[in-house]
Amino acid sequence: MSDLQQRIAELENMYDLLADNPSWVHPEVSLASFGWLLNEIMSLRALLPAEKRVAS
């Protein structure tokens, strides 16, 4: 697994962790976190070669 794929997987795990435990953070912080995580995941996925761009 490349460094890029590993970073995407880490960010997706963080996203899942927040989604499964929304009470851990204030709602405004949670919304900002989700927005940042989604932006990072999508930006990094765009850097992957086309054949590796599959939904996790």
C-alpha atoms as a PDB file:
ATOM      1  CA  MET A   1       0.000   0.000   0.000  1.00  0.00           C
ATOM      2  CA  SER A   2       1.396   3.374  -0.944  1.00  0.00           C
ATOM      3  CA  ASP A   3       1.765   6.246   1.511  1.00  0.00           C
ATOM      4  CA  LEU A   4      -1.103   8.004  -0.235  1.00  0.00           C
ATOM      5  CA  GLN A   5      -3.411   5.005   0.086  1.00  0.00           C
ATOM      6  CA  GLN A   6      -2.407   4.603   3.725  1.00  0.00           C
ATOM      7  CA  ARG A   7      -3.213   8.244   4.480  1.00  0.00           C
ATOM      8  CA  ILE A   8      -6.596   7.914   2.778  1.00  0.00           C
ATOM      9  CA  ALA A   9      -7.344   4.809   4.855  1.00  0.00           C
ATOM     10  CA  GLU A  10      -6.352   6.623   8.061  1.00  0.00           C
ATOM     11  CA  LEU A  11      -8.608   9.573   7.233  1.00  0.00           C
ATOM     12  CA  GLU A  12     -11.490   7.250   6.363  1.00  0.00           C
ATOM     13  CA  ASN A  13     -11.024   5.489   9.710  1.00  0.00           C
ATOM     14  CA  MET A  14     -11.125   8.838  11.526  1.00  0.00           C
ATOM     15  CA  TYR A  15     -14.279   9.740   9.605  1.00  0.00           C
ATOM     16  CA  ASP A  16     -15.917   6.436  10.557  1.00  0.00           C
ATOM     17  CA  LEU A  17     -14.893   6.867  14.186  1.00  0.00           C
ATOM     18  CA  LEU A  18     -16.477  10.319  14.364  1.00  0.00           C
ATOM     19  CA  ALA A  19     -19.590   9.120  12.534  1.00  0.00           C
ATOM     20  CA  ASP A  20     -19.999   6.260  14.997  1.00  0.00           C
ATOM     21  CA  ASN A  21     -19.477   8.517  18.049  1.00  0.00           C
ATOM     22  CA  PRO A  22     -21.046  11.919  17.314  1.00  0.00           C
ATOM     23  CA  SER A  23     -21.399  12.773  21.005  1.00  0.00           C
ATOM     24  CA  TRP A  24     -17.612  12.937  21.420  1.00  0.00           C
ATOM     25  CA  VAL A  25     -17.369  16.473  20.062  1.00  0.00           C
ATOM     26  CA  HIS A  26     -19.451  19.648  19.992  1.00  0.00           C
ATOM     27  CA  PRO A  27     -21.831  19.669  16.975  1.00  0.00           C
ATOM     28  CA  GLU A  28     -20.111  22.673  15.343  1.00  0.00           C
ATOM     29  CA  VAL A  29     -16.707  21.061  15.726  1.00  0.00           C
ATOM     30  CA  SER A  30     -18.123  17.790  14.431  1.00  0.00           C
ATOM     31  CA  LEU A  31     -19.503  19.473  11.294  1.00  0.00           C
ATOM     32  CA  ALA A  32     -16.196  21.194  10.666  1.00  0.00           C
ATOM     33  CA  SER A  33     -14.334  17.925  11.203  1.00  0.00           C
ATOM     34  CA  PHE A  34     -16.562  16.026   8.801  1.00  0.00           C
ATOM     35  CA  GLY A  35     -16.168  18.747   6.193  1.00  0.00           C
ATOM     36  CA  TRP A  36     -12.384  18.802   6.535  1.00  0.00           C
ATOM     37  CA  LEU A  37     -12.101  15.009   6.486  1.00  0.00           C
ATOM     38  CA  LEU A  38     -14.300  14.681   3.398  1.00  0.00           C
ATOM     39  CA  ASN A  39     -12.328  17.380   1.608  1.00  0.00           C
ATOM     40  CA  GLU A  40      -9.011  15.715   2.450  1.00  0.00           C
ATOM     41  CA  ILE A  41     -10.230  12.253   1.440  1.00  0.00           C
ATOM     42  CA  MET A  42     -11.586  13.472  -1.896  1.00  0.00           C
ATOM     43  CA  SER A  43      -8.510  15.582  -2.615  1.00  0.00           C
ATOM     44  CA  LEU A  44      -6.174  12.689  -1.913  1.00  0.00           C
ATOM     45  CA  ARG A  45      -8.287  10.245  -3.917  1.00  0.00           C
ATOM     46  CA  ALA A  46      -7.986  12.592  -6.898  1.00  0.00           C
ATOM     47  CA  LEU A  47      -4.216  12.081  -6.750  1.00  0.00           C
ATOM     48  CA  LEU A  48      -4.499   8.305  -7.068  1.00  0.00           C
ATOM     49  CA  PRO A  49      -4.029   6.689 -10.477  1.00  0.00           C
ATOM     50  CA  ALA A  50      -7.418   6.020 -12.093  1.00  0.00           C
ATOM     51  CA  GLU A  51      -7.253   2.238 -11.611  1.00  0.00           C
ATOM     52  CA  LYS A  52      -6.876   2.659  -7.845  1.00  0.00           C
ATOM     53  CA  ARG A  53      -9.786   5.091  -7.427  1.00  0.00           C
ATOM     54  CA  VAL A  54     -12.333   2.713  -5.962  1.00  0.00           C
ATOM     55  CA  ALA A  55     -14.712   3.459  -3.133  1.00  0.00           C
ATOM     56  CA  SER A  56     -13.681   1.916   0.150  1.00  0.00           C
END
